[in-house]
Amino acid sequence: MALCDGLSHCKLALAFAVLMDLLGGAALLLGVFAPLEVKGQDFGDLLVYTGALLVLMSLGGWVLWYSGNIEGLTSRRELGHIGSAVDRLARNLSRKIRTYRSHL
């Protein structure tokens, strides 16, 4: 997997963002350029609005992917802070998910 070395973290968020961009762009272009009429009703506007919403949803995936790939941030423990309950809960949940996936 030498091609994906630069995409080391959050591959699911990246896949979601790219998929939503492709679907949203296709819906936008189809809604603008294709004459879509069924029984006299135009459905082009529906595709334009749906495409815009899909592209907006992809923005969340891009933010998650980008923030998951930020390197060099110091953790609270390195700064001398005591971990909060939320940090412990997130660590425990992450550990459980990892062990569940390894058993599959």
PDB file of N, CA and C in Angstrom:
ATOM      1  N   MET A   1       0.822  -1.193   0.000  1.00  0.00           N
ATOM      2  CA  MET A   1       0.000   0.000   0.000  1.00  0.00           C
ATOM      3  C   MET A   1       0.859   1.247   0.000  1.00  0.00           C
ATOM      4  N   ALA A   2       1.793   1.336  -0.883  1.00  0.00           N
ATOM      5  CA  ALA A   2       2.663   2.505  -0.945  1.00  0.00           C
ATOM      6  C   ALA A   2       1.905   3.735  -1.435  1.00  0.00           C
ATOM      7  N   LEU A   3       0.825   3.542  -2.164  1.00  0.00           N
ATOM      8  CA  LEU A   3       0.059   4.683  -2.656  1.00  0.00           C
ATOM      9  C   LEU A   3      -0.704   5.389  -1.549  1.00  0.00           C
ATOM     10  N   CYS A   4      -1.063   4.693  -0.485  1.00  0.00           N
ATOM     11  CA  CYS A   4      -1.876   5.271   0.583  1.00  0.00           C
ATOM     12  C   CYS A   4      -1.062   5.687   1.802  1.00  0.00           C
ATOM     13  N   ASP A   5       0.263   5.765   1.700  1.00  0.00           N
ATOM     14  CA  ASP A   5       1.063   6.136   2.862  1.00  0.00           C
ATOM     15  C   ASP A   5       0.769   7.549   3.334  1.00  0.00           C
ATOM     16  N   GLY A   6       0.491   8.465   2.427  1.00  0.00           N
ATOM     17  CA  GLY A   6       0.177   9.838   2.817  1.00  0.00           C
ATOM     18  C   GLY A   6      -1.209   9.980   3.415  1.00  0.00           C
ATOM     19  N   LEU A   7      -2.035   8.969   3.292  1.00  0.00           N
ATOM     20  CA  LEU A   7      -3.400   9.002   3.810  1.00  0.00           C
ATOM     21  C   LEU A   7      -3.508   8.132   5.055  1.00  0.00           C
ATOM     22  N   SER A   8      -2.524   8.212   5.925  1.00  0.00           N
ATOM     23  CA  SER A   8      -2.356   7.217   6.975  1.00  0.00           C
ATOM     24  C   SER A   8      -3.510   7.136   7.964  1.00  0.00           C
ATOM     25  N   HIS A   9      -4.127   8.231   8.285  1.00  0.00           N
ATOM     26  CA  HIS A   9      -5.171   8.219   9.306  1.00  0.00           C
ATOM     27  C   HIS A   9      -6.524   8.580   8.698  1.00  0.00           C
ATOM     28  N   CYS A  10      -7.574   8.110   9.299  1.00  0.00           N
ATOM     29  CA  CYS A  10      -8.953   8.505   8.978  1.00  0.00           C
ATOM     30  C   CYS A  10      -9.336   8.202   7.526  1.00  0.00           C
ATOM     31  N   LYS A  11      -9.044   7.019   7.079  1.00  0.00           N
ATOM     32  CA  LYS A  11      -9.371   6.660   5.704  1.00  0.00           C
ATOM     33  C   LYS A  11     -10.871   6.584   5.476  1.00  0.00           C
ATOM     34  N   LEU A  12     -11.623   6.249   6.509  1.00  0.00           N
ATOM     35  CA  LEU A  12     -13.078   6.188   6.375  1.00  0.00           C
ATOM     36  C   LEU A  12     -13.659   7.583   6.147  1.00  0.00           C
ATOM     37  N   ALA A  13     -13.146   8.576   6.865  1.00  0.00           N
ATOM     38  CA  ALA A  13     -13.614   9.950   6.668  1.00  0.00           C
ATOM     39  C   ALA A  13     -13.253  10.444   5.273  1.00  0.00           C
ATOM     40  N   LEU A  14     -12.078  10.067   4.784  1.00  0.00           N
ATOM     41  CA  LEU A  14     -11.676  10.452   3.434  1.00  0.00           C
ATOM     42  C   LEU A  14     -12.576   9.808   2.387  1.00  0.00           C
ATOM     43  N   ALA A  15     -12.870   8.526   2.563  1.00  0.00           N
ATOM     44  CA  ALA A  15     -13.750   7.839   1.626  1.00  0.00           C
ATOM     45  C   ALA A  15     -15.147   8.456   1.638  1.00  0.00           C
ATOM     46  N   PHE A  16     -15.648   8.801   2.830  1.00  0.00           N
ATOM     47  CA  PHE A  16     -16.957   9.450   2.935  1.00  0.00           C
ATOM     48  C   PHE A  16     -16.951  10.793   2.205  1.00  0.00           C
ATOM     49  N   ALA A  17     -15.913  11.588   2.426  1.00  0.00           N
ATOM     50  CA  ALA A  17     -15.847  12.916   1.809  1.00  0.00           C
ATOM     51  C   ALA A  17     -15.786  12.820   0.290  1.00  0.00           C
ATOM     52  N   VAL A  18     -14.963  11.930  -0.219  1.00  0.00           N
ATOM     53  CA  VAL A  18     -14.834  11.790  -1.668  1.00  0.00           C
ATOM     54  C   VAL A  18     -16.136  11.267  -2.281  1.00  0.00           C
ATOM     55  N   LEU A  19     -16.763  10.285  -1.622  1.00  0.00           N
ATOM     56  CA  LEU A  19     -18.019   9.741  -2.130  1.00  0.00           C
ATOM     57  C   LEU A  19     -19.120  10.810  -2.152  1.00  0.00           C
ATOM     58  N   MET A  20     -19.230  11.593  -1.085  1.00  0.00           N
ATOM     59  CA  MET A  20     -20.250  12.647  -1.045  1.00  0.00           C
ATOM     60  C   MET A  20     -19.964  13.726  -2.083  1.00  0.00           C
ATOM     61  N   ASP A  21     -18.675  14.041  -2.320  1.00  0.00           N
ATOM     62  CA  ASP A  21     -18.339  15.006  -3.362  1.00  0.00           C
ATOM     63  C   ASP A  21     -18.734  14.501  -4.743  1.00  0.00           C
ATOM     64  N   LEU A  22     -18.449  13.236  -5.014  1.00  0.00           N
ATOM     65  CA  LEU A  22     -18.797  12.677  -6.323  1.00  0.00           C
ATOM     66  C   LEU A  22     -20.310  12.609  -6.531  1.00  0.00           C
ATOM     67  N   LEU A  23     -21.015  12.117  -5.524  1.00  0.00           N
ATOM     68  CA  LEU A  23     -22.475  12.034  -5.645  1.00  0.00           C
ATOM     69  C   LEU A  23     -23.110  13.418  -5.735  1.00  0.00           C
ATOM     70  N   GLY A  24     -22.631  14.341  -4.909  1.00  0.00           N
ATOM     71  CA  GLY A  24     -23.175  15.701  -4.926  1.00  0.00           C
ATOM     72  C   GLY A  24     -22.898  16.414  -6.225  1.00  0.00           C
ATOM     73  N   GLY A  25     -21.679  16.276  -6.734  1.00  0.00           N
ATOM     74  CA  GLY A  25     -21.350  16.913  -8.011  1.00  0.00           C
ATOM     75  C   GLY A  25     -22.158  16.337  -9.161  1.00  0.00           C
ATOM     76  N   ALA A  26     -22.320  15.019  -9.152  1.00  0.00           N
ATOM     77  CA  ALA A  26     -23.124  14.388 -10.205  1.00  0.00           C
ATOM     78  C   ALA A  26     -24.582  14.839 -10.131  1.00  0.00           C
ATOM     79  N   ALA A  27     -25.129  14.920  -8.922  1.00  0.00           N
ATOM     80  CA  ALA A  27     -26.518  15.359  -8.773  1.00  0.00           C
ATOM     81  C   ALA A  27     -26.676  16.818  -9.203  1.00  0.00           C
ATOM     82  N   LEU A  28     -25.708  17.648  -8.841  1.00  0.00           N
ATOM     83  CA  LEU A  28     -25.767  19.050  -9.269  1.00  0.00           C
ATOM     84  C   LEU A  28     -25.741  19.179 -10.785  1.00  0.00           C
ATOM     85  N   LEU A  29     -24.798  18.510 -11.422  1.00  0.00           N
ATOM     86  CA  LEU A  29     -24.691  18.608 -12.873  1.00  0.00           C
ATOM     87  C   LEU A  29     -25.908  18.020 -13.578  1.00  0.00           C
ATOM     88  N   LEU A  30     -26.409  16.923 -13.061  1.00  0.00           N
ATOM     89  CA  LEU A  30     -27.592  16.307 -13.652  1.00  0.00           C
ATOM     90  C   LEU A  30     -28.813  17.212 -13.487  1.00  0.00           C
ATOM     91  N   GLY A  31     -28.939  17.826 -12.324  1.00  0.00           N
ATOM     92  CA  GLY A  31     -30.070  18.718 -12.083  1.00  0.00           C
ATOM     93  C   GLY A  31     -30.030  19.982 -12.916  1.00  0.00           C
ATOM     94  N   VAL A  32     -28.835  20.477 -13.217  1.00  0.00           N
ATOM     95  CA  VAL A  32     -28.705  21.711 -13.994  1.00  0.00           C
ATOM     96  C   VAL A  32     -28.854  21.446 -15.486  1.00  0.00           C
ATOM     97  N   PHE A  33     -28.219  20.384 -15.995  1.00  0.00           N
ATOM     98  CA  PHE A  33     -28.128  20.216 -17.437  1.00  0.00           C
ATOM     99  C   PHE A  33     -29.101  19.212 -18.043  1.00  0.00           C
ATOM    100  N   ALA A  34     -29.673  18.317 -17.261  1.00  0.00           N
ATOM    101  CA  ALA A  34     -30.566  17.307 -17.830  1.00  0.00           C
ATOM    102  C   ALA A  34     -32.022  17.743 -17.680  1.00  0.00           C
ATOM    103  N   PRO A  35     -32.801  17.625 -18.724  1.00  0.00           N
ATOM    104  CA  PRO A  35     -34.231  17.951 -18.618  1.00  0.00           C
ATOM    105  C   PRO A  35     -34.980  16.781 -17.954  1.00  0.00           C
ATOM    106  N   LEU A  36     -35.272  16.930 -16.687  1.00  0.00           N
ATOM    107  CA  LEU A  36     -35.906  15.847 -15.925  1.00  0.00           C
ATOM    108  C   LEU A  36     -37.353  16.214 -15.624  1.00  0.00           C
ATOM    109  N   GLU A  37     -38.244  15.747 -16.442  1.00  0.00           N
ATOM    110  CA  GLU A  37     -39.669  15.986 -16.227  1.00  0.00           C
ATOM    111  C   GLU A  37     -40.394  14.658 -16.185  1.00  0.00           C
ATOM    112  N   VAL A  38     -41.232  14.504 -15.158  1.00  0.00           N
ATOM    113  CA  VAL A  38     -42.071  13.321 -15.016  1.00  0.00           C
ATOM    114  C   VAL A  38     -43.502  13.814 -14.843  1.00  0.00           C
ATOM    115  N   LYS A  39     -44.349  13.477 -15.792  1.00  0.00           N
ATOM    116  CA  LYS A  39     -45.757  13.879 -15.786  1.00  0.00           C
ATOM    117  C   LYS A  39     -45.915  15.398 -15.633  1.00  0.00           C
ATOM    118  N   GLY A  40     -45.049  16.145 -16.322  1.00  0.00           N
ATOM    119  CA  GLY A  40     -45.150  17.592 -16.327  1.00  0.00           C
ATOM    120  C   GLY A  40     -44.495  18.288 -15.150  1.00  0.00           C
ATOM    121  N   GLN A  41     -43.905  17.550 -14.205  1.00  0.00           N
ATOM    122  CA  GLN A  41     -43.235  18.169 -13.064  1.00  0.00           C
ATOM    123  C   GLN A  41     -41.732  18.091 -13.252  1.00  0.00           C
ATOM    124  N   ASP A  42     -41.062  19.206 -13.006  1.00  0.00           N
ATOM    125  CA  ASP A  42     -39.623  19.275 -13.170  1.00  0.00           C
ATOM    126  C   ASP A  42     -38.923  18.857 -11.872  1.00  0.00           C
ATOM    127  N   PHE A  43     -37.986  17.910 -11.976  1.00  0.00           N
ATOM    128  CA  PHE A  43     -37.243  17.429 -10.810  1.00  0.00           C
ATOM    129  C   PHE A  43     -35.798  17.913 -10.807  1.00  0.00           C
ATOM    130  N   GLY A  44     -35.470  18.842 -11.654  1.00  0.00           N
ATOM    131  CA  GLY A  44     -34.111  19.380 -11.702  1.00  0.00           C
ATOM    132  C   GLY A  44     -33.747  20.122 -10.432  1.00  0.00           C
ATOM    133  N   ASP A  45     -34.683  20.899  -9.895  1.00  0.00           N
ATOM    134  CA  ASP A  45     -34.409  21.654  -8.663  1.00  0.00           C
ATOM    135  C   ASP A  45     -34.127  20.717  -7.491  1.00  0.00           C
ATOM    136  N   LEU A  46     -34.857  19.611  -7.432  1.00  0.00           N
ATOM    137  CA  LEU A  46     -34.636  18.645  -6.360  1.00  0.00           C
ATOM    138  C   LEU A  46     -33.202  18.110  -6.402  1.00  0.00           C
ATOM    139  N   LEU A  47     -32.722  17.790  -7.595  1.00  0.00           N
ATOM    140  CA  LEU A  47     -31.357  17.294  -7.716  1.00  0.00           C
ATOM    141  C   LEU A  47     -30.325  18.371  -7.408  1.00  0.00           C
ATOM    142  N   VAL A  48     -30.598  19.596  -7.770  1.00  0.00           N
ATOM    143  CA  VAL A  48     -29.663  20.686  -7.467  1.00  0.00           C
ATOM    144  C   VAL A  48     -29.547  20.870  -5.958  1.00  0.00           C
ATOM    145  N   TYR A  49     -30.670  20.911  -5.259  1.00  0.00           N
ATOM    146  CA  TYR A  49     -30.634  21.085  -3.807  1.00  0.00           C
ATOM    147  C   TYR A  49     -30.031  19.861  -3.106  1.00  0.00           C
ATOM    148  N   THR A  50     -30.354  18.685  -3.581  1.00  0.00           N
ATOM    149  CA  THR A  50     -29.783  17.465  -2.997  1.00  0.00           C
ATOM    150  C   THR A  50     -28.277  17.431  -3.208  1.00  0.00           C
ATOM    151  N   GLY A  51     -27.824  17.800  -4.396  1.00  0.00           N
ATOM    152  CA  GLY A  51     -26.388  17.834  -4.671  1.00  0.00           C
ATOM    153  C   GLY A  51     -25.660  18.830  -3.788  1.00  0.00           C
ATOM    154  N   ALA A  52     -26.288  19.980  -3.577  1.00  0.00           N
ATOM    155  CA  ALA A  52     -25.665  20.980  -2.701  1.00  0.00           C
ATOM    156  C   ALA A  52     -25.567  20.459  -1.265  1.00  0.00           C
ATOM    157  N   LEU A  53     -26.589  19.760  -0.799  1.00  0.00           N
ATOM    158  CA  LEU A  53     -26.547  19.202   0.559  1.00  0.00           C
ATOM    159  C   LEU A  53     -25.492  18.103   0.683  1.00  0.00           C
ATOM    160  N   LEU A  54     -25.344  17.290  -0.338  1.00  0.00           N
ATOM    161  CA  LEU A  54     -24.326  16.241  -0.310  1.00  0.00           C
ATOM    162  C   LEU A  54     -22.919  16.829  -0.289  1.00  0.00           C
ATOM    163  N   VAL A  55     -22.692  17.884  -1.065  1.00  0.00           N
ATOM    164  CA  VAL A  55     -21.389  18.546  -1.051  1.00  0.00           C
ATOM    165  C   VAL A  55     -21.142  19.192   0.310  1.00  0.00           C
ATOM    166  N   LEU A  56     -22.178  19.747   0.920  1.00  0.00           N
ATOM    167  CA  LEU A  56     -22.042  20.318   2.258  1.00  0.00           C
ATOM    168  C   LEU A  56     -21.712  19.234   3.282  1.00  0.00           C
ATOM    169  N   MET A  57     -22.333  18.069   3.153  1.00  0.00           N
ATOM    170  CA  MET A  57     -22.023  16.961   4.058  1.00  0.00           C
ATOM    171  C   MET A  57     -20.585  16.479   3.873  1.00  0.00           C
ATOM    172  N   SER A  58     -20.090  16.544   2.657  1.00  0.00           N
ATOM    173  CA  SER A  58     -18.710  16.118   2.422  1.00  0.00           C
ATOM    174  C   SER A  58     -17.721  17.024   3.130  1.00  0.00           C
ATOM    175  N   LEU A  59     -18.106  18.267   3.348  1.00  0.00           N
ATOM    176  CA  LEU A  59     -17.228  19.188   4.072  1.00  0.00           C
ATOM    177  C   LEU A  59     -16.929  18.672   5.474  1.00  0.00           C
ATOM    178  N   GLY A  60     -17.921  18.053   6.115  1.00  0.00           N
ATOM    179  CA  GLY A  60     -17.691  17.455   7.437  1.00  0.00           C
ATOM    180  C   GLY A  60     -16.677  16.330   7.364  1.00  0.00           C
ATOM    181  N   GLY A  61     -16.748  15.511   6.326  1.00  0.00           N
ATOM    182  CA  GLY A  61     -15.771  14.440   6.147  1.00  0.00           C
ATOM    183  C   GLY A  61     -14.373  14.978   5.912  1.00  0.00           C
ATOM    184  N   TRP A  62     -14.265  16.065   5.129  1.00  0.00           N
ATOM    185  CA  TRP A  62     -12.950  16.654   4.891  1.00  0.00           C
ATOM    186  C   TRP A  62     -12.367  17.231   6.172  1.00  0.00           C
ATOM    187  N   VAL A  63     -13.200  17.868   6.980  1.00  0.00           N
ATOM    188  CA  VAL A  63     -12.715  18.421   8.251  1.00  0.00           C
ATOM    189  C   VAL A  63     -12.253  17.297   9.174  1.00  0.00           C
ATOM    190  N   LEU A  64     -13.019  16.219   9.262  1.00  0.00           N
ATOM    191  CA  LEU A  64     -12.614  15.082  10.094  1.00  0.00           C
ATOM    192  C   LEU A  64     -11.306  14.468   9.594  1.00  0.00           C
ATOM    193  N   TRP A  65     -11.177  14.304   8.288  1.00  0.00           N
ATOM    194  CA  TRP A  65      -9.964  13.717   7.745  1.00  0.00           C
ATOM    195  C   TRP A  65      -8.764  14.612   7.998  1.00  0.00           C
ATOM    196  N   TYR A  66      -8.929  15.904   7.767  1.00  0.00           N
ATOM    197  CA  TYR A  66      -7.807  16.828   7.947  1.00  0.00           C
ATOM    198  C   TYR A  66      -7.401  16.912   9.409  1.00  0.00           C
ATOM    199  N   SER A  67      -8.372  17.026  10.295  1.00  0.00           N
ATOM    200  CA  SER A  67      -8.029  17.133  11.715  1.00  0.00           C
ATOM    201  C   SER A  67      -7.452  15.830  12.257  1.00  0.00           C
ATOM    202  N   GLY A  68      -7.799  14.704  11.680  1.00  0.00           N
ATOM    203  CA  GLY A  68      -7.226  13.433  12.097  1.00  0.00           C
ATOM    204  C   GLY A  68      -5.815  13.221  11.603  1.00  0.00           C
ATOM    205  N   ASN A  69      -5.386  13.990  10.611  1.00  0.00           N
ATOM    206  CA  ASN A  69      -4.048  13.838  10.053  1.00  0.00           C
ATOM    207  C   ASN A  69      -3.076  14.918  10.509  1.00  0.00           C
ATOM    208  N   ILE A  70      -3.477  15.747  11.449  1.00  0.00           N
ATOM    209  CA  ILE A  70      -2.564  16.773  11.962  1.00  0.00           C
ATOM    210  C   ILE A  70      -1.502  16.090  12.807  1.00  0.00           C
ATOM    211  N   GLU A  71      -0.258  16.328  12.476  1.00  0.00           N
ATOM    212  CA  GLU A  71       0.867  15.726  13.198  1.00  0.00           C
ATOM    213  C   GLU A  71       1.527  16.789  14.074  1.00  0.00           C
ATOM    214  N   GLY A  72       2.157  16.325  15.131  1.00  0.00           N
ATOM    215  CA  GLY A  72       2.987  17.214  15.934  1.00  0.00           C
ATOM    216  C   GLY A  72       2.282  17.939  17.058  1.00  0.00           C
ATOM    217  N   LEU A  73       1.019  17.650  17.327  1.00  0.00           N
ATOM    218  CA  LEU A  73       0.346  18.290  18.438  1.00  0.00           C
ATOM    219  C   LEU A  73       0.757  17.599  19.731  1.00  0.00           C
ATOM    220  N   THR A  74       0.999  18.364  20.757  1.00  0.00           N
ATOM    221  CA  THR A  74       1.379  17.787  22.042  1.00  0.00           C
ATOM    222  C   THR A  74       0.121  17.427  22.819  1.00  0.00           C
ATOM    223  N   SER A  75       0.177  16.321  23.500  1.00  0.00           N
ATOM    224  CA  SER A  75      -0.979  15.890  24.272  1.00  0.00           C
ATOM    225  C   SER A  75      -0.994  16.599  25.623  1.00  0.00           C
ATOM    226  N   ARG A  76      -2.100  16.519  26.307  1.00  0.00           N
ATOM    227  CA  ARG A  76      -2.216  17.144  27.620  1.00  0.00           C
ATOM    228  C   ARG A  76      -1.255  16.511  28.621  1.00  0.00           C
ATOM    229  N   ARG A  77      -1.051  15.218  28.478  1.00  0.00           N
ATOM    230  CA  ARG A  77      -0.151  14.523  29.399  1.00  0.00           C
ATOM    231  C   ARG A  77       1.272  15.052  29.255  1.00  0.00           C
ATOM    232  N   GLU A  78       1.685  15.338  28.015  1.00  0.00           N
ATOM    233  CA  GLU A  78       3.013  15.893  27.798  1.00  0.00           C
ATOM    234  C   GLU A  78       3.133  17.302  28.359  1.00  0.00           C
ATOM    235  N   LEU A  79       2.021  18.024  28.391  1.00  0.00           N
ATOM    236  CA  LEU A  79       2.027  19.367  28.943  1.00  0.00           C
ATOM    237  C   LEU A  79       1.893  19.368  30.459  1.00  0.00           C
ATOM    238  N   GLY A  80       1.596  18.227  31.043  1.00  0.00           N
ATOM    239  CA  GLY A  80       1.515  18.126  32.488  1.00  0.00           C
ATOM    240  C   GLY A  80       0.107  18.163  33.042  1.00  0.00           C
ATOM    241  N   HIS A  81      -0.914  18.128  32.203  1.00  0.00           N
ATOM    242  CA  HIS A  81      -2.297  18.147  32.675  1.00  0.00           C
ATOM    243  C   HIS A  81      -2.747  16.736  33.024  1.00  0.00           C
ATOM    244  N   ILE A  82      -3.638  16.641  33.981  1.00  0.00           N
ATOM    245  CA  ILE A  82      -4.226  15.359  34.339  1.00  0.00           C
ATOM    246  C   ILE A  82      -5.369  15.089  33.381  1.00  0.00           C
ATOM    247  N   GLY A  83      -5.478  13.840  32.900  1.00  0.00           N
ATOM    248  CA  GLY A  83      -6.524  13.481  31.948  1.00  0.00           C
ATOM    249  C   GLY A  83      -7.905  13.623  32.558  1.00  0.00           C
ATOM    250  N   SER A  84      -8.829  14.133  31.788  1.00  0.00           N
ATOM    251  CA  SER A  84     -10.189  14.314  32.275  1.00  0.00           C
ATOM    252  C   SER A  84     -10.998  13.029  32.089  1.00  0.00           C
ATOM    253  N   ALA A  85     -12.215  13.048  32.581  1.00  0.00           N
ATOM    254  CA  ALA A  85     -13.091  11.888  32.455  1.00  0.00           C
ATOM    255  C   ALA A  85     -13.437  11.620  30.989  1.00  0.00           C
ATOM    256  N   VAL A  86     -13.548  12.669  30.213  1.00  0.00           N
ATOM    257  CA  VAL A  86     -13.857  12.496  28.792  1.00  0.00           C
ATOM    258  C   VAL A  86     -12.694  11.806  28.084  1.00  0.00           C
ATOM    259  N   ASP A  87     -11.458  12.179  28.433  1.00  0.00           N
ATOM    260  CA  ASP A  87     -10.292  11.522  27.835  1.00  0.00           C
ATOM    261  C   ASP A  87     -10.258  10.041  28.194  1.00  0.00           C
ATOM    262  N   ARG A  88     -10.528   9.722  29.450  1.00  0.00           N
ATOM    263  CA  ARG A  88     -10.527   8.320  29.870  1.00  0.00           C
ATOM    264  C   ARG A  88     -11.634   7.547  29.164  1.00  0.00           C
ATOM    265  N   LEU A  89     -12.814   8.152  29.043  1.00  0.00           N
ATOM    266  CA  LEU A  89     -13.928   7.503  28.363  1.00  0.00           C
ATOM    267  C   LEU A  89     -13.599   7.248  26.895  1.00  0.00           C
ATOM    268  N   ALA A  90     -13.005   8.229  26.223  1.00  0.00           N
ATOM    269  CA  ALA A  90     -12.634   8.069  24.817  1.00  0.00           C
ATOM    270  C   ALA A  90     -11.577   6.982  24.652  1.00  0.00           C
ATOM    271  N   ARG A  91     -10.592   6.938  25.555  1.00  0.00           N
ATOM    272  CA  ARG A  91      -9.562   5.900  25.491  1.00  0.00           C
ATOM    273  C   ARG A  91     -10.156   4.518  25.687  1.00  0.00           C
ATOM    274  N   ASN A  92     -11.048   4.378  26.683  1.00  0.00           N
ATOM    275  CA  ASN A  92     -11.668   3.080  26.945  1.00  0.00           C
ATOM    276  C   ASN A  92     -12.525   2.623  25.775  1.00  0.00           C
ATOM    277  N   LEU A  93     -13.296   3.542  25.207  1.00  0.00           N
ATOM    278  CA  LEU A  93     -14.139   3.207  24.066  1.00  0.00           C
ATOM    279  C   LEU A  93     -13.290   2.801  22.860  1.00  0.00           C
ATOM    280  N   SER A  94     -12.219   3.538  22.623  1.00  0.00           N
ATOM    281  CA  SER A  94     -11.328   3.216  21.514  1.00  0.00           C
ATOM    282  C   SER A  94     -10.682   1.849  21.723  1.00  0.00           C
ATOM    283  N   ARG A  95     -10.277   1.554  22.929  1.00  0.00           N
ATOM    284  CA  ARG A  95      -9.674   0.258  23.230  1.00  0.00           C
ATOM    285  C   ARG A  95     -10.663  -0.877  22.993  1.00  0.00           C
ATOM    286  N   LYS A  96     -11.926  -0.672  23.415  1.00  0.00           N
ATOM    287  CA  LYS A  96     -12.945  -1.708  23.229  1.00  0.00           C
ATOM    288  C   LYS A  96     -13.226  -1.947  21.751  1.00  0.00           C
ATOM    289  N   ILE A  97     -13.277  -0.889  20.975  1.00  0.00           N
ATOM    290  CA  ILE A  97     -13.526  -1.033  19.538  1.00  0.00           C
ATOM    291  C   ILE A  97     -12.368  -1.769  18.887  1.00  0.00           C
ATOM    292  N   ARG A  98     -11.128  -1.425  19.273  1.00  0.00           N
ATOM    293  CA  ARG A  98      -9.962  -2.087  18.710  1.00  0.00           C
ATOM    294  C   ARG A  98      -9.943  -3.571  19.046  1.00  0.00           C
ATOM    295  N   THR A  99     -10.263  -3.917  20.291  1.00  0.00           N
ATOM    296  CA  THR A  99     -10.242  -5.330  20.671  1.00  0.00           C
ATOM    297  C   THR A  99     -11.391  -6.083  20.014  1.00  0.00           C
ATOM    298  N   TYR A 100     -12.538  -5.418  19.825  1.00  0.00           N
ATOM    299  CA  TYR A 100     -13.670  -6.066  19.154  1.00  0.00           C
ATOM    300  C   TYR A 100     -13.322  -6.369  17.700  1.00  0.00           C
ATOM    301  N   ARG A 101     -12.652  -5.431  17.024  1.00  0.00           N
ATOM    302  CA  ARG A 101     -12.294  -5.635  15.629  1.00  0.00           C
ATOM    303  C   ARG A 101     -11.228  -6.708  15.487  1.00  0.00           C
ATOM    304  N   SER A 102     -10.334  -6.809  16.468  1.00  0.00           N
ATOM    305  CA  SER A 102      -9.273  -7.809  16.359  1.00  0.00           C
ATOM    306  C   SER A 102      -9.831  -9.228  16.557  1.00  0.00           C
ATOM    307  N   HIS A 103     -10.973  -9.353  17.252  1.00  0.00           N
ATOM    308  CA  HIS A 103     -11.582 -10.662  17.447  1.00  0.00           C
ATOM    309  C   HIS A 103     -12.355 -11.133  16.217  1.00  0.00           C
ATOM    310  N   LEU A 104     -12.707 -10.206  15.332  1.00  0.00           N
ATOM    311  CA  LEU A 104     -13.479 -10.575  14.142  1.00  0.00           C
ATOM    312  C   LEU A 104     -12.622 -11.226  13.165  1.00  0.00           C
TER     313      LEU A 104
END
